[in-house]
Amino acid sequence: MDDNTIHDDLIVKYTCKSIEELKSIIPKWAWGRNKSKLLDISQSVKEGRYAVKLIAPSSFMKLADFYEVDCSSLFTGEKLNDSRIARILDRWENKQFVDPPSINLSDNGKQIVFQDGRHRAKISFLLGYKEIPLAIDIDNLQEIIVLFKLVGTII
């Protein structure tokens, strides 16, 4: 079986599930006591490049630019989006860990931009998770904290 067939099978598997079934999948984040499961070593505390904070997805949705990622629905019919969503859900359902999304400050300083993890963030928002870990670029940590305070979130 090639990668495309596997991804197609995963897309079918997860698009056939109800929203309640999808919400029952427990996310597994590689942080805190599970930090040894990180794939992106730059998020490691030893590296000192990121501070990981728990953030409500509803807060970062107000501040983030998702570019071409459509956040109005989980599955959009677009193959790349749908395969990424299905792979993340499959990892979680199989108790495999994923790295927290990583964010930075936009060039104009008025938004956050995802360096990695837009689809993980999208899933978290659309499935109604209360909070998720975000890896925040340490160089912009204070400015990003101010942005979150402006939308009523204390981190």
Protein backbone atom coordinates (compact mmCIF):
# COMPACT_ATOMS: atom_id res chain seq x y z
CA MET A 1 0.00 0.00 0.00
CA ASP A 2 1.43 3.39 -0.92
CA ASP A 3 1.23 6.57 1.16
CA ASN A 4 -1.65 8.00 -0.91
CA THR A 5 -3.78 4.90 -0.33
CA ILE A 6 -3.03 4.99 3.41
CA HIS A 7 -3.96 8.69 3.58
CA ASP A 8 -7.13 8.07 1.55
CA ASP A 9 -8.12 5.27 3.94
CA LEU A 10 -7.51 7.51 6.95
CA ILE A 11 -9.54 10.33 5.41
CA VAL A 12 -12.47 7.96 4.85
CA LYS A 13 -12.12 6.54 8.37
CA TYR A 14 -12.29 9.94 10.07
CA THR A 15 -14.76 11.71 7.78
CA CYS A 16 -17.22 8.88 8.49
CA LYS A 17 -17.05 9.51 12.25
CA SER A 18 -19.55 11.78 13.94
CA ILE A 19 -18.34 14.95 15.64
CA GLU A 20 -19.05 13.26 18.99
CA GLU A 21 -16.79 10.34 18.02
CA LEU A 22 -14.04 12.74 16.95
CA LYS A 23 -14.37 14.70 20.20
CA SER A 24 -13.89 11.47 22.14
CA ILE A 25 -10.35 11.11 20.75
CA ILE A 26 -8.00 12.27 23.48
CA PRO A 27 -5.13 14.43 22.20
CA LYS A 28 -1.62 13.36 23.12
CA TRP A 29 0.75 16.31 23.33
CA ALA A 30 4.53 15.90 23.54
CA TRP A 31 5.16 18.33 26.37
CA GLY A 32 5.30 18.41 30.18
CA ARG A 33 5.86 14.92 31.51
CA ASN A 34 5.72 13.64 27.92
CA LYS A 35 8.36 16.06 26.61
CA SER A 36 10.64 13.12 25.78
CA LYS A 37 8.19 12.34 22.93
CA LEU A 38 9.01 15.60 21.09
CA LEU A 39 9.95 15.18 17.45
CA ASP A 40 10.95 18.84 17.00
CA ILE A 41 14.02 19.01 19.22
CA SER A 42 14.04 22.83 18.91
CA GLN A 43 11.04 22.82 21.31
CA SER A 44 13.16 21.11 23.95
CA VAL A 45 13.72 23.06 27.16
CA LYS A 46 17.45 22.46 26.68
CA GLU A 47 17.35 24.40 23.42
CA GLY A 48 15.78 27.43 25.12
CA ARG A 49 14.05 28.64 21.95
CA TYR A 50 10.45 28.23 23.13
CA ALA A 51 8.31 28.63 26.21
CA VAL A 52 5.35 26.24 26.25
CA LYS A 53 2.11 27.68 27.62
CA LEU A 54 -1.42 26.29 27.85
CA ILE A 55 -3.76 28.43 25.75
CA ALA A 56 -7.48 28.24 24.96
CA PRO A 57 -7.89 27.64 21.21
CA SER A 58 -10.65 30.27 21.11
CA SER A 59 -8.04 32.84 22.16
CA PHE A 60 -5.44 32.08 19.52
CA MET A 61 -8.11 31.89 16.81
CA LYS A 62 -8.72 35.62 17.40
CA LEU A 63 -5.04 36.40 16.93
CA ALA A 64 -3.71 33.94 14.37
CA ASP A 65 -3.26 34.08 10.63
CA PHE A 66 -3.93 30.60 9.27
CA TYR A 67 -3.16 31.65 5.67
CA GLU A 68 -4.65 29.04 3.30
CA VAL A 69 -5.89 26.71 6.05
CA ASP A 70 -9.70 26.85 6.10
CA CYS A 71 -10.82 26.86 9.74
CA SER A 72 -14.56 26.80 9.05
CA SER A 73 -14.73 22.98 8.99
CA LEU A 74 -12.51 20.09 9.97
CA PHE A 75 -12.60 18.32 6.61
CA THR A 76 -12.78 20.62 3.60
CA GLY A 77 -12.56 18.18 0.69
CA GLU A 78 -9.07 19.45 -0.04
CA LYS A 79 -6.74 16.43 -0.02
CA LEU A 80 -3.76 18.02 1.75
CA ASN A 81 -5.90 19.46 4.54
CA ASP A 82 -7.95 16.32 4.98
CA SER A 83 -4.93 14.01 5.05
CA ARG A 84 -3.20 16.17 7.67
CA ILE A 85 -6.31 16.26 9.85
CA ALA A 86 -6.82 12.49 9.50
CA ARG A 87 -3.15 11.72 10.30
CA ILE A 88 -3.24 13.83 13.48
CA LEU A 89 -6.48 12.21 14.64
CA ASP A 90 -5.07 8.78 13.84
CA ARG A 91 -1.92 9.43 15.85
CA TRP A 92 -4.00 10.53 18.84
CA GLU A 93 -6.41 7.64 18.53
CA ASN A 94 -3.40 5.28 18.52
CA LYS A 95 -1.95 7.02 21.60
CA GLN A 96 0.95 8.57 19.68
CA PHE A 97 2.16 12.00 20.66
CA VAL A 98 2.31 15.13 18.53
CA ASP A 99 4.36 18.24 19.16
CA PRO A 100 2.59 21.41 20.32
CA PRO A 101 2.01 23.97 17.58
CA SER A 102 4.74 26.61 17.55
CA ILE A 103 4.01 30.31 17.13
CA ASN A 104 5.82 33.56 16.57
CA LEU A 105 4.87 37.21 16.21
CA SER A 106 3.84 38.52 12.78
CA ASP A 107 6.02 41.11 11.09
CA ASN A 108 3.52 43.86 11.94
CA GLY A 109 3.38 42.71 15.59
CA LYS A 110 -0.43 42.51 15.57
CA GLN A 111 -0.97 38.79 14.99
CA ILE A 112 0.56 35.46 15.79
CA VAL A 113 1.79 33.23 13.00
CA PHE A 114 2.25 29.50 13.16
CA GLN A 115 5.73 28.26 12.45
CA ASP A 116 4.31 24.75 12.63
CA GLY A 117 1.04 23.15 13.64
CA ARG A 118 -1.82 25.07 12.03
CA HIS A 119 -3.82 21.87 11.50
CA ARG A 120 -3.24 20.76 15.10
CA ALA A 121 -4.51 24.16 16.23
CA LYS A 122 -7.50 23.95 13.87
CA ILE A 123 -8.49 20.52 15.20
CA SER A 124 -8.18 21.76 18.78
CA PHE A 125 -10.48 24.70 18.09
CA LEU A 126 -13.11 22.85 16.05
CA LEU A 127 -13.29 19.92 18.49
CA GLY A 128 -13.71 22.34 21.39
CA TYR A 129 -10.63 21.55 23.47
CA LYS A 130 -10.44 23.80 26.54
CA GLU A 131 -6.70 24.45 26.21
CA ILE A 132 -3.67 23.14 24.38
CA PRO A 133 0.06 23.68 24.72
CA LEU A 134 1.59 26.26 22.38
CA ALA A 135 5.32 26.60 21.93
CA ILE A 136 5.93 30.36 21.89
CA ASP A 137 9.13 31.76 20.41
CA ILE A 138 11.07 33.05 23.42
CA ASP A 139 12.28 36.14 21.53
CA ASN A 140 8.68 37.36 21.18
CA LEU A 141 7.21 35.93 24.37
CA GLN A 142 6.45 39.26 26.07
CA GLU A 143 4.84 40.79 22.97
CA ILE A 144 2.73 37.67 22.44
CA ILE A 145 1.63 37.70 26.09
CA VAL A 146 0.46 41.31 25.57
CA LEU A 147 -1.54 40.27 22.48
CA PHE A 148 -3.24 37.49 24.42
CA LYS A 149 -4.08 39.90 27.24
CA LEU A 150 -5.76 42.17 24.69
CA VAL A 151 -8.20 39.36 23.85
CA GLY A 152 -8.78 38.56 27.51
CA THR A 153 -6.40 35.64 27.97
CA ILE A 154 -3.81 35.56 30.73
CA ILE A 155 -0.89 33.23 30.09
